[in-house]
Amino acid sequence: MIADYTEAAVCHVDDLADGQLKEVQVGDTDVLLARADGQFYALHPKCTHYQGPLAKGLLNGHRLVCPWHNACFDVRDGHRLEAPALNGLPTHEVRIENDQVFVRLTTNKESLENPMVTPDPTNGETYVIVGGGGAATFAAEGLREGGFTGKITVLTESQERPYDRPNCSKDYLQGEAPDEWMPLRTEEFYQDYGIDIRTNQRVASLDPTTKQIELASGETLTYDKALVCTGGQPNLLPDVDVNMQGVYTLRTLHDSQRLRELGQSGKRVVVVGSSFIGLEGAMSMHKLGCEVDVVSPEPVPFSKTLGEKIGRLMQGWHEKEGIRFHLGCKVAQVEGNDAVKAVLLDNGQRLPADLVLLGLGVHPKTDFLKSIPLEKDGGVKTDAYLKLADDLYAAGDIAHYPTPDGSERIEHWKVAGVQGYVAGLNMAGREQPYHEVPFFWTNQLGKRINYVGHADHFDDIIYDGDPQTDESFLAFYVQENQIKAAAGLKRDQDIIAIRELMQAGRMPSVDEVRQGVNWVDRLKEV
């Protein structure tokens, strides 16, 4: 069948220089026009993750990076290069005539999947993925993209197929995202590519010496290769009964559904912890109509991660909405017999409460691993290829992976997705080291702060812009006279350029950063 199409001249060849992006129209359809190495490309203009406007992103060579969450695509064919996007971008035909750029738009566009093989019944190998989050999803697709045609089994404790976990503390919890937004892939997708998602499956033990996995049900599975990506388990308060009615964590889709249901009745909520998940939960419960108090031993939220200036700024955003903070203090007791009545602080203050939300971070979920040494925090140490032992790999929140400075373990969705993808490719026979610069984002009351790199501590912070103005700024975290990380508000292109420079090992010196750098121009010089 011949598809209908619309064609239009969208610009002169001199209107776009190499590395530039421009949104144009073909008929009534918006199209992203890009130029790289003298060639023009036309693509769908919105990121397939959350519909971020790609024209406001950045093009580095053939890498097209979304401004919102740094999903990355190959501008030449639209294929997805990096999480958090799963699908690629539909592309359109481009031709040049009389120095005019013409785009031909077909009407039978569809979201592109990276090329993947389908299972071969004659291949008797079984690869098992333990975990059901972003790392697991990208790993399964990495296996098929890498050419593995055997059986793929995904074991997840969840009742659901892999879903969009970051949304559990944001729009979904606020009741602004429907249920159908949450699954990462359809059931048909998994069937088409022979990916067996087994829900409600808790792994009791995994022994790499025998290559056996024992389930809590008593069933035993044998694998040829396996990936462990079980993520984190919420930290709890000592001496607080998590089974008490009204005490909750926010980690799963079920947690989010239950909290949303309770929050719609206008509860009095005490959030314990000023972590990113804690304040996103506080924000969302307040939007549901709850009264919200936040309790944290930190004197300033996020001060250890982002610094006091940005921490105070973010605290102010929440206080303007009516969220109350009780900082520099701890929970002494959660009062109530069968149900929460109040929270007593160590300074003697008593906060009436119907619901306590624990936002105390997570720790690696690795207690089922046998014969695998654990790090002090409960994580596991991989090699550069994310290999943990013979035919056993690890990815996501549990993985300590090698870096030039030693090793890192990062708890974020994009990192987990990219690690899972790389692990899947390597299990399929590739030899691709993982050396991606970390990226994470947090959405606090409609304001998105993006962060690149990693600094577990810092000696100084260099600011480009003043966080106290709440408009637009960059913050650079200095450790041993090197820029180790950067955070930004409304500086999306700069953050992309900084990450790309970090990735290339071409970050400017601390002195140069102090003097001021045009980050997009600097990237063009690399």
Protein backbone atom coordinates (compact mmCIF):
# COMPACT_ATOMS: atom_id res chain seq x y z
CA MET A 1 0.00 0.00 0.00
CA ILE A 2 1.35 3.44 -0.89
CA ALA A 3 1.13 5.84 2.05
CA ASP A 4 -0.33 9.32 1.66
CA TYR A 5 2.17 12.09 2.18
CA THR A 6 2.58 15.81 2.38
CA GLU A 7 5.72 17.56 1.16
CA ALA A 8 6.84 21.13 1.75
CA ALA A 9 9.87 23.36 1.49
CA VAL A 10 10.77 24.17 5.08
CA CYS A 11 13.90 26.33 4.81
CA HIS A 12 16.91 27.38 2.73
CA VAL A 13 20.02 25.25 3.13
CA ASP A 14 21.85 28.21 4.69
CA ASP A 15 19.17 28.73 7.35
CA LEU A 16 20.58 25.93 9.50
CA ALA A 17 24.22 25.43 10.47
CA ASP A 18 25.71 22.14 11.60
CA GLY A 19 24.50 21.27 15.07
CA GLN A 20 21.36 23.39 14.88
CA LEU A 21 17.77 22.31 15.48
CA LYS A 22 14.60 23.98 14.27
CA GLU A 23 10.93 23.10 14.54
CA VAL A 24 9.14 23.51 11.20
CA GLN A 25 5.72 22.68 9.79
CA VAL A 26 4.80 20.35 6.98
CA GLY A 27 1.12 20.91 6.38
CA ASP A 28 -0.44 20.87 9.84
CA THR A 29 2.28 18.65 11.32
CA ASP A 30 5.19 19.84 13.43
CA VAL A 31 8.57 18.41 12.42
CA LEU A 32 12.03 18.71 13.96
CA LEU A 33 14.66 19.65 11.40
CA ALA A 34 18.29 18.97 12.30
CA ARG A 35 21.60 19.42 10.51
CA ALA A 36 24.64 17.28 11.30
CA ASP A 37 27.82 16.89 9.22
CA GLY A 38 26.20 18.85 6.41
CA GLN A 39 23.19 16.51 6.20
CA PHE A 40 19.60 17.44 7.00
CA TYR A 41 17.33 15.14 9.00
CA ALA A 42 13.62 15.39 9.81
CA LEU A 43 12.12 13.72 12.87
CA HIS A 44 9.19 13.72 15.25
CA PRO A 45 9.67 16.87 17.40
CA LYS A 46 8.71 15.47 20.80
CA CYS A 47 10.67 13.11 23.02
CA THR A 48 9.00 9.71 23.27
CA HIS A 49 9.56 9.67 27.05
CA TYR A 50 7.42 12.62 28.25
CA GLN A 51 6.98 14.63 25.04
CA GLY A 52 9.78 17.07 25.83
CA PRO A 53 10.37 19.68 23.08
CA LEU A 54 13.45 18.39 21.28
CA ALA A 55 14.07 21.71 19.51
CA LYS A 56 15.05 23.06 22.95
CA GLY A 57 17.49 20.19 23.43
CA LEU A 58 20.97 19.87 21.97
CA LEU A 59 22.60 18.12 19.05
CA ASN A 60 26.14 16.84 19.58
CA GLY A 61 27.34 15.16 16.42
CA HIS A 62 24.55 12.67 15.73
CA ARG A 63 23.40 12.57 19.38
CA LEU A 64 20.09 14.37 19.88
CA VAL A 65 19.47 14.94 23.60
CA CYS A 66 16.11 15.83 25.16
CA PRO A 67 16.17 18.94 27.40
CA TRP A 68 13.95 17.48 30.12
CA HIS A 69 15.34 14.12 31.16
CA ASN A 70 18.30 13.69 28.76
CA ALA A 71 16.91 10.83 26.71
CA CYS A 72 19.15 10.48 23.67
CA PHE A 73 18.45 9.58 20.04
CA ASP A 74 20.45 9.05 16.87
CA VAL A 75 19.40 11.89 14.59
CA ARG A 76 20.21 9.81 11.49
CA ASP A 77 17.62 7.10 12.02
CA GLY A 78 15.67 8.16 15.11
CA HIS A 79 16.81 5.17 17.16
CA ARG A 80 16.90 5.49 20.91
CA LEU A 81 20.45 5.64 22.25
CA GLU A 82 19.86 6.23 25.96
CA ALA A 83 17.14 5.89 28.57
CA PRO A 84 14.72 7.03 29.82
CA ALA A 85 13.05 6.88 26.38
CA LEU A 86 12.18 3.38 25.17
CA ASN A 87 10.91 4.22 21.71
CA GLY A 88 12.81 5.99 18.98
CA LEU A 89 11.62 8.91 16.87
CA PRO A 90 9.70 8.54 13.59
CA THR A 91 11.70 10.05 10.76
CA HIS A 92 10.72 11.68 7.48
CA GLU A 93 12.30 11.95 4.04
CA VAL A 94 14.44 14.98 3.26
CA ARG A 95 15.64 16.19 -0.13
CA ILE A 96 17.44 19.30 -1.38
CA GLU A 97 16.34 21.10 -4.54
CA ASN A 98 17.58 24.53 -5.67
CA ASP A 99 19.08 25.15 -2.21
CA GLN A 100 15.69 24.55 -0.60
CA VAL A 101 15.15 21.85 2.03
CA PHE A 102 12.03 19.75 1.39
CA VAL A 103 10.50 17.37 3.92
CA ARG A 104 8.12 14.61 2.87
CA LEU A 105 5.84 13.53 5.68
CA THR A 106 4.10 10.15 5.57
CA THR A 107 0.77 9.73 7.34
CA ASN A 108 1.43 6.16 8.52
CA LYS A 109 4.06 7.20 11.10
CA GLU A 110 4.70 4.91 14.01
CA SER A 111 6.98 5.03 17.01
CA LEU A 112 10.17 3.18 16.23
CA GLU A 113 11.61 0.30 18.20
CA ASN A 114 15.33 -0.35 17.98
CA PRO A 115 16.00 -3.38 15.72
CA MET A 116 15.54 -6.53 17.81
CA VAL A 117 15.53 -10.23 17.03
CA THR A 118 12.64 -12.54 17.85
CA PRO A 119 13.07 -15.79 19.79
CA ASP A 120 14.27 -18.93 18.05
CA PRO A 121 12.65 -22.13 19.43
CA THR A 122 15.81 -24.10 18.60
CA ASN A 123 17.89 -21.96 20.99
CA GLY A 124 17.72 -23.78 24.32
CA GLU A 125 19.48 -21.15 26.44
CA THR A 126 17.62 -19.37 29.25
CA TYR A 127 18.62 -15.92 30.48
CA VAL A 128 16.93 -14.73 33.67
CA ILE A 129 16.48 -11.13 34.83
CA VAL A 130 15.79 -10.72 38.55
CA GLY A 131 13.94 -7.44 39.04
CA GLY A 132 11.11 -5.62 37.31
CA GLY A 133 12.13 -1.97 37.09
CA GLY A 134 13.73 0.20 34.43
CA ALA A 135 17.00 -1.75 34.39
CA ALA A 136 15.12 -5.00 33.76
CA THR A 137 13.09 -3.53 30.92
CA PHE A 138 16.07 -2.07 29.09
CA ALA A 139 18.11 -5.23 29.74
CA ALA A 140 15.50 -7.46 28.10
CA GLU A 141 15.44 -5.21 25.05
CA GLY A 142 19.25 -5.02 25.05
CA LEU A 143 19.35 -8.83 24.90
CA ARG A 144 17.12 -8.92 21.85
CA GLU A 145 18.89 -5.97 20.25
CA GLY A 146 22.21 -7.71 20.88
CA GLY A 147 21.00 -10.77 18.99
CA PHE A 148 20.08 -13.22 21.77
CA THR A 149 17.33 -15.54 20.51
CA GLY A 150 16.89 -17.83 23.50
CA LYS A 151 14.39 -17.65 26.35
CA ILE A 152 14.18 -14.48 28.48
CA THR A 153 12.48 -14.74 31.88
CA VAL A 154 11.91 -11.66 34.04
CA LEU A 155 11.12 -12.30 37.71
CA THR A 156 9.47 -9.43 39.57
CA GLU A 157 7.88 -9.25 43.02
CA SER A 158 5.45 -6.66 41.68
CA GLN A 159 1.87 -7.45 40.77
CA GLU A 160 2.37 -5.43 37.58
CA ARG A 161 4.55 -5.59 34.52
CA PRO A 162 7.41 -3.03 34.52
CA TYR A 163 6.04 0.49 34.97
CA ASP A 164 7.15 4.12 35.18
CA ARG A 165 8.33 4.21 38.79
CA PRO A 166 9.41 7.91 38.88
CA ASN A 167 5.82 8.95 38.19
CA CYS A 168 4.66 7.21 41.37
CA SER A 169 5.72 10.23 43.43
CA LYS A 170 4.60 12.87 40.94
CA ASP A 171 1.64 13.13 38.54
CA TYR A 172 0.32 9.64 39.21
CA LEU A 173 0.21 10.18 42.96
CA GLN A 174 -1.49 13.53 42.36
CA GLY A 175 -4.21 11.85 40.31
CA GLU A 176 -3.12 13.64 37.14
CA ALA A 177 -1.79 10.59 35.27
CA PRO A 178 -4.13 7.76 34.25
CA ASP A 179 -3.33 4.11 34.88
CA GLU A 180 -2.65 3.46 31.18
CA TRP A 181 0.34 5.82 31.29
CA MET A 182 2.23 3.69 33.76
CA PRO A 183 3.23 0.42 31.96
CA LEU A 184 6.49 0.78 30.05
CA ARG A 185 5.44 -1.71 27.36
CA THR A 186 2.27 -3.48 26.33
CA GLU A 187 1.67 -7.14 27.01
CA GLU A 188 1.72 -7.67 23.23
CA PHE A 189 5.23 -6.24 23.01
CA TYR A 190 6.57 -8.79 25.48
CA GLN A 191 4.77 -11.57 23.67
CA ASP A 192 6.11 -10.49 20.26
CA TYR A 193 9.70 -10.58 21.49
CA GLY A 194 9.38 -13.65 23.69
CA ILE A 195 9.99 -11.85 26.99
CA ASP A 196 8.27 -13.79 29.77
CA ILE A 197 7.32 -11.38 32.58
CA ARG A 198 6.53 -13.40 35.71
CA THR A 199 4.85 -11.20 38.31
CA ASN A 200 4.42 -11.91 42.05
CA GLN A 201 7.68 -13.86 42.09
CA ARG A 202 9.94 -13.29 45.09
CA VAL A 203 13.45 -14.70 44.74
CA ALA A 204 14.59 -16.42 47.94
CA SER A 205 18.13 -17.17 46.76
CA LEU A 206 20.42 -17.02 43.76
CA ASP A 207 23.56 -19.14 43.75
CA PRO A 208 26.08 -18.33 40.98
CA THR A 209 28.05 -21.52 41.65
CA THR A 210 25.11 -23.73 40.67
CA LYS A 211 23.35 -21.14 38.46
CA GLN A 212 20.14 -21.83 40.32
CA ILE A 213 17.43 -19.45 41.49
CA GLU A 214 15.07 -20.54 44.23
CA LEU A 215 11.72 -18.77 44.46
CA ALA A 216 9.79 -18.21 47.68
CA SER A 217 7.17 -20.54 46.25
CA GLY A 218 9.71 -23.39 46.33
CA GLU A 219 10.21 -23.48 42.57
CA THR A 220 13.81 -23.69 41.31
CA LEU A 221 15.03 -22.25 38.02
CA THR A 222 18.34 -22.88 36.31
CA TYR A 223 19.88 -20.16 34.15
CA ASP A 224 22.62 -19.94 31.55
CA LYS A 225 23.15 -16.24 32.28
CA ALA A 226 21.40 -13.93 34.72
CA LEU A 227 21.12 -10.25 35.55
CA VAL A 228 20.37 -8.98 39.05
CA CYS A 229 18.65 -5.58 39.11
CA THR A 230 16.40 -5.73 42.16
CA GLY A 231 16.77 -2.04 43.03
CA GLY A 232 16.35 -0.56 46.46
CA GLN A 233 14.31 -1.33 49.53
CA PRO A 234 12.93 1.62 51.56
CA ASN A 235 14.72 2.51 54.76
CA LEU A 236 12.55 2.37 57.87
CA LEU A 237 12.48 4.12 61.21
CA PRO A 238 13.81 2.05 64.09
CA ASP A 239 11.19 1.16 66.70
CA VAL A 240 8.33 2.16 64.38
CA ASP A 241 5.93 -0.60 63.40
CA VAL A 242 5.55 -0.36 59.62
CA ASN A 243 2.47 -2.55 59.91
CA MET A 244 0.69 0.10 61.98
CA GLN A 245 -2.25 1.51 60.07
CA GLY A 246 -1.19 4.84 58.62
CA VAL A 247 2.58 4.21 58.24
CA TYR A 248 3.63 4.03 54.59
CA THR A 249 6.60 4.03 52.26
CA LEU A 250 6.50 5.26 48.66
CA ARG A 251 8.30 2.85 46.38
CA THR A 252 5.78 0.88 44.34
CA LEU A 253 2.77 1.53 42.16
CA HIS A 254 0.61 -0.04 44.87
CA ASP A 255 2.09 2.38 47.43
CA SER A 256 1.22 5.31 45.18
CA GLN A 257 -2.33 4.08 44.55
CA ARG A 258 -2.98 3.62 48.27
CA LEU A 259 -1.55 7.02 49.22
CA ARG A 260 -3.53 8.73 46.47
CA GLU A 261 -6.73 7.13 47.72
CA LEU A 262 -6.02 8.22 51.30
CA GLY A 263 -4.81 11.68 50.34
CA GLN A 264 -8.00 12.55 48.50
CA SER A 265 -9.81 12.64 51.83
CA GLY A 266 -7.59 15.45 53.13
CA LYS A 267 -5.46 13.67 55.70
CA ARG A 268 -2.92 15.19 58.07
CA VAL A 269 0.38 13.84 56.76
CA VAL A 270 3.80 13.81 58.38
CA VAL A 271 6.61 13.09 55.93
CA VAL A 272 9.72 11.76 57.66
CA GLY A 273 12.83 12.66 55.67
CA SER A 274 13.62 15.47 53.25
CA SER A 275 14.97 13.25 50.46
CA PHE A 276 13.95 13.83 46.85
CA ILE A 277 11.28 11.14 47.15
CA GLY A 278 10.18 12.58 50.49
CA LEU A 279 9.61 16.08 49.16
CA GLU A 280 8.07 14.87 45.92
CA GLY A 281 5.67 12.83 48.09
CA ALA A 282 5.01 15.88 50.29
CA MET A 283 4.30 17.99 47.22
CA SER A 284 1.90 15.43 45.77
CA MET A 285 0.01 14.76 49.02
CA HIS A 286 -0.41 18.51 49.51
CA LYS A 287 -1.82 18.83 45.99
CA LEU A 288 -4.36 16.16 46.91
CA GLY A 289 -5.57 18.45 49.71
CA CYS A 290 -3.60 17.14 52.69
CA GLU A 291 -1.98 19.15 55.45
CA VAL A 292 1.70 18.26 55.28
CA ASP A 293 4.55 18.52 57.79
CA VAL A 294 8.09 17.45 56.89
CA VAL A 295 10.44 16.22 59.62
CA SER A 296 14.17 15.80 58.98
CA PRO A 297 17.40 15.76 60.98
CA GLU A 298 19.06 17.83 58.26
CA PRO A 299 19.17 21.56 59.04
CA VAL A 300 18.68 22.30 55.32
CA PRO A 301 17.13 19.88 52.78
CA PHE A 302 19.53 18.51 50.15
CA SER A 303 22.48 20.42 51.61
CA LYS A 304 24.78 17.40 51.30
CA THR A 305 23.81 16.87 47.66
CA LEU A 306 23.05 20.32 46.26
CA GLY A 307 24.38 22.74 48.86
CA GLU A 308 22.62 25.01 51.36
CA LYS A 309 21.64 27.77 48.90
CA ILE A 310 19.72 25.44 46.60
CA GLY A 311 18.36 23.50 49.58
CA ARG A 312 16.90 26.66 51.12
CA LEU A 313 15.50 27.68 47.75
CA MET A 314 13.69 24.35 47.35
CA GLN A 315 12.45 24.48 50.93
CA GLY A 316 11.03 27.92 50.18
CA TRP A 317 9.11 26.60 47.17
CA HIS A 318 7.33 24.13 49.41
CA GLU A 319 6.74 26.57 52.25
CA LYS A 320 5.06 29.01 49.85
CA GLU A 321 2.54 26.26 49.11
CA GLY A 322 1.84 25.74 52.82
CA ILE A 323 4.05 22.75 53.59
CA ARG A 324 5.60 23.06 57.05
CA PHE A 325 9.18 22.01 57.88
CA HIS A 326 10.60 20.76 61.17
CA LEU A 327 14.33 20.55 60.52
CA GLY A 328 17.20 19.53 62.73
CA CYS A 329 15.02 17.13 64.69
CA LYS A 330 14.09 13.46 64.70
CA VAL A 331 11.03 11.35 65.30
CA ALA A 332 10.97 10.12 68.90
CA GLN A 333 7.73 8.16 68.66
CA VAL A 334 4.77 7.49 66.39
CA GLU A 335 1.76 7.60 68.71
CA GLY A 336 -1.19 5.31 68.29
CA ASN A 337 -2.21 1.75 68.99
CA ASP A 338 -3.61 0.27 65.80
CA ALA A 339 -3.56 3.54 63.83
CA VAL A 340 -1.40 6.65 63.72
CA LYS A 341 -2.56 9.50 65.95
CA ALA A 342 0.46 11.78 66.13
CA VAL A 343 4.21 12.03 65.68
CA LEU A 344 6.29 13.07 68.69
CA LEU A 345 9.60 14.79 67.89
CA ASP A 346 12.76 14.67 69.95
CA ASN A 347 12.37 18.38 70.74
CA GLY A 348 9.06 17.64 72.47
CA GLN A 349 6.83 18.93 69.67
CA ARG A 350 3.77 16.83 68.89
CA LEU A 351 2.41 16.76 65.32
CA PRO A 352 -1.15 15.41 64.93
CA ALA A 353 -1.21 12.94 62.04
CA ASP A 354 -3.45 10.49 60.24
CA LEU A 355 -0.68 9.23 58.02
CA VAL A 356 3.12 8.95 58.21
CA LEU A 357 5.07 8.75 54.96
CA LEU A 358 8.65 7.53 55.30
CA GLY A 359 10.97 9.23 52.82
CA LEU A 360 14.27 8.01 54.20
CA GLY A 361 15.89 6.72 51.05
CA VAL A 362 16.58 3.11 50.12
CA HIS A 363 19.22 0.43 50.53
CA PRO A 364 20.21 -2.23 47.99
CA LYS A 365 17.98 -5.28 47.86
CA THR A 366 20.58 -8.05 47.74
CA ASP A 367 19.87 -10.32 50.71
CA PHE A 368 19.01 -13.26 48.42
CA LEU A 369 22.47 -13.45 46.81
CA LYS A 370 24.64 -16.40 47.81
CA SER A 371 28.46 -16.55 47.52
CA ILE A 372 28.58 -12.93 46.37
CA PRO A 373 30.49 -10.48 48.60
CA LEU A 374 28.50 -7.38 49.51
CA GLU A 375 29.81 -3.85 49.91
CA LYS A 376 29.31 -1.99 53.18
CA ASP A 377 26.04 -0.49 51.94
CA GLY A 378 24.72 -3.85 50.76
CA GLY A 379 25.48 -3.24 47.09
CA VAL A 380 27.57 -5.46 44.80
CA LYS A 381 30.74 -4.63 42.90
CA THR A 382 30.86 -5.22 39.15
CA ASP A 383 33.59 -4.92 36.55
CA ALA A 384 33.50 -2.36 33.74
CA TYR A 385 31.12 -4.60 31.79
CA LEU A 386 28.71 -4.82 34.75
CA LYS A 387 29.72 -8.43 35.32
CA LEU A 388 29.41 -9.73 38.86
CA ALA A 389 30.53 -13.36 38.50
CA ASP A 390 30.68 -15.97 35.76
CA ASP A 391 27.56 -15.46 33.63
CA LEU A 392 26.08 -13.14 36.26
CA TYR A 393 25.61 -9.38 35.84
CA ALA A 394 24.23 -6.54 37.97
CA ALA A 395 22.68 -3.16 37.12
CA GLY A 396 20.78 -0.30 38.70
CA ASP A 397 20.56 0.75 42.33
CA ILE A 398 22.54 -2.23 43.64
CA ALA A 399 25.59 -1.94 41.35
CA HIS A 400 28.94 -0.43 42.33
CA TYR A 401 30.63 0.08 38.97
CA PRO A 402 34.23 1.20 38.33
CA THR A 403 35.04 4.87 37.65
CA PRO A 404 38.34 6.73 37.25
CA ASP A 405 38.05 7.72 40.93
CA GLY A 406 37.23 4.25 42.25
CA SER A 407 33.62 3.12 42.08
CA GLU A 408 30.13 4.59 42.28
CA ARG A 409 26.64 3.37 43.04
CA ILE A 410 23.88 5.64 41.71
CA GLU A 411 20.18 5.41 42.53
CA HIS A 412 18.31 6.90 39.59
CA TRP A 413 16.01 5.85 36.79
CA LYS A 414 18.11 6.94 33.81
CA VAL A 415 21.26 5.37 35.22
CA ALA A 416 19.43 2.09 35.87
CA GLY A 417 17.99 2.08 32.36
CA VAL A 418 21.31 2.68 30.64
CA GLN A 419 23.08 0.11 32.85
CA GLY A 420 20.39 -2.47 32.17
CA TYR A 421 20.69 -1.88 28.43
CA VAL A 422 24.48 -2.20 28.47
CA ALA A 423 24.28 -5.33 30.64
CA GLY A 424 21.76 -6.85 28.22
CA LEU A 425 24.01 -6.16 25.23
CA ASN A 426 26.98 -7.68 27.05
CA MET A 427 25.02 -10.78 28.06
CA ALA A 428 24.17 -11.17 24.37
CA GLY A 429 27.86 -11.21 23.47
CA ARG A 430 28.87 -7.58 23.11
CA GLU A 431 31.83 -6.23 25.06
CA GLN A 432 30.68 -2.72 25.83
CA PRO A 433 32.07 -1.09 28.98
CA TYR A 434 29.75 1.08 31.03
CA HIS A 435 31.24 4.53 31.52
CA GLU A 436 28.27 6.88 31.32
CA VAL A 437 28.23 10.14 33.27
CA PRO A 438 25.30 9.95 35.73
CA PHE A 439 22.25 12.14 35.26
CA PHE A 440 19.21 12.61 37.46
CA TRP A 441 16.32 15.01 37.77
CA THR A 442 13.84 15.99 40.43
CA ASN A 443 10.56 17.82 39.92
CA GLN A 444 9.67 20.00 42.87
CA LEU A 445 6.42 21.97 42.48
CA GLY A 446 6.73 22.26 38.72
CA LYS A 447 10.39 23.26 38.83
CA ARG A 448 12.82 20.71 37.46
CA ILE A 449 16.41 20.59 38.67
CA ASN A 450 18.77 18.50 36.52
CA TYR A 451 22.03 17.13 37.91
CA VAL A 452 25.00 15.59 36.08
CA GLY A 453 28.10 13.87 37.39
CA HIS A 454 28.57 12.69 40.95
CA ALA A 455 30.03 14.31 44.05
CA ASP A 456 29.62 12.40 47.31
CA HIS A 457 31.10 15.47 48.97
CA PHE A 458 32.41 18.82 47.76
CA ASP A 459 34.91 21.44 48.89
CA ASP A 460 33.29 24.39 47.14
CA ILE A 461 30.36 25.36 44.93
CA ILE A 462 30.72 27.75 41.99
CA TYR A 463 27.48 29.46 40.95
CA ASP A 464 26.54 30.83 37.55
CA GLY A 465 23.46 32.81 38.53
CA ASP A 466 22.03 33.21 42.01
CA PRO A 467 19.78 30.44 43.38
CA GLN A 468 18.11 32.99 45.64
CA THR A 469 16.54 34.66 42.59
CA ASP A 470 14.67 31.43 41.73
CA GLU A 471 14.98 32.14 38.03
CA SER A 472 17.85 30.32 36.35
CA PHE A 473 21.23 29.10 37.56
CA LEU A 474 24.02 26.54 37.38
CA ALA A 475 25.93 25.18 40.36
CA PHE A 476 29.28 23.41 39.99
CA TYR A 477 30.51 21.08 42.72
CA VAL A 478 34.26 21.18 43.27
CA GLN A 479 36.19 18.30 44.81
CA GLU A 480 39.99 18.34 44.98
CA ASN A 481 40.11 21.23 42.48
CA GLN A 482 38.03 19.40 39.87
CA ILE A 483 34.44 19.88 38.75
CA LYS A 484 32.77 16.62 39.72
CA ALA A 485 29.11 17.50 39.22
CA ALA A 486 26.73 20.28 38.17
CA ALA A 487 23.10 21.13 38.85
CA GLY A 488 20.88 23.51 36.93
CA LEU A 489 17.49 25.16 36.93
CA LYS A 490 16.18 26.36 33.55
CA ARG A 491 19.60 25.78 32.00
CA ASP A 492 18.75 22.63 30.07
CA GLN A 493 21.09 23.07 27.10
CA ASP A 494 23.98 23.95 29.39
CA ILE A 495 23.41 20.84 31.49
CA ILE A 496 23.38 18.68 28.34
CA ALA A 497 26.60 20.29 27.11
CA ILE A 498 28.27 19.82 30.50
CA ARG A 499 27.37 16.12 30.55
CA GLU A 500 28.63 15.63 27.00
CA LEU A 501 31.90 17.37 27.92
CA MET A 502 32.24 15.21 31.04
CA GLN A 503 31.59 12.15 28.90
CA ALA A 504 34.37 13.19 26.52
CA GLY A 505 36.78 13.98 29.38
CA ARG A 506 36.94 17.61 28.24
CA MET A 507 35.58 19.56 31.19
CA PRO A 508 37.19 22.99 31.66
CA SER A 509 39.32 23.69 34.71
CA VAL A 510 37.92 25.16 37.91
CA ASP A 511 39.57 28.51 37.07
CA GLU A 512 37.88 28.59 33.66
CA VAL A 513 34.51 27.80 35.20
CA ARG A 514 34.95 30.62 37.70
CA GLN A 515 35.61 33.02 34.83
CA GLY A 516 32.51 31.86 32.96
CA VAL A 517 32.03 29.39 30.13
CA ASN A 518 29.63 29.36 27.19
CA TRP A 519 28.87 25.65 27.48
CA VAL A 520 27.17 25.12 24.14
CA ASP A 521 30.00 26.86 22.28
CA ARG A 522 32.58 24.91 24.26
CA LEU A 523 30.94 21.64 23.25
CA LYS A 524 31.11 22.65 19.58
CA GLU A 525 34.89 22.98 19.93
CA VAL A 526 35.30 19.35 21.03
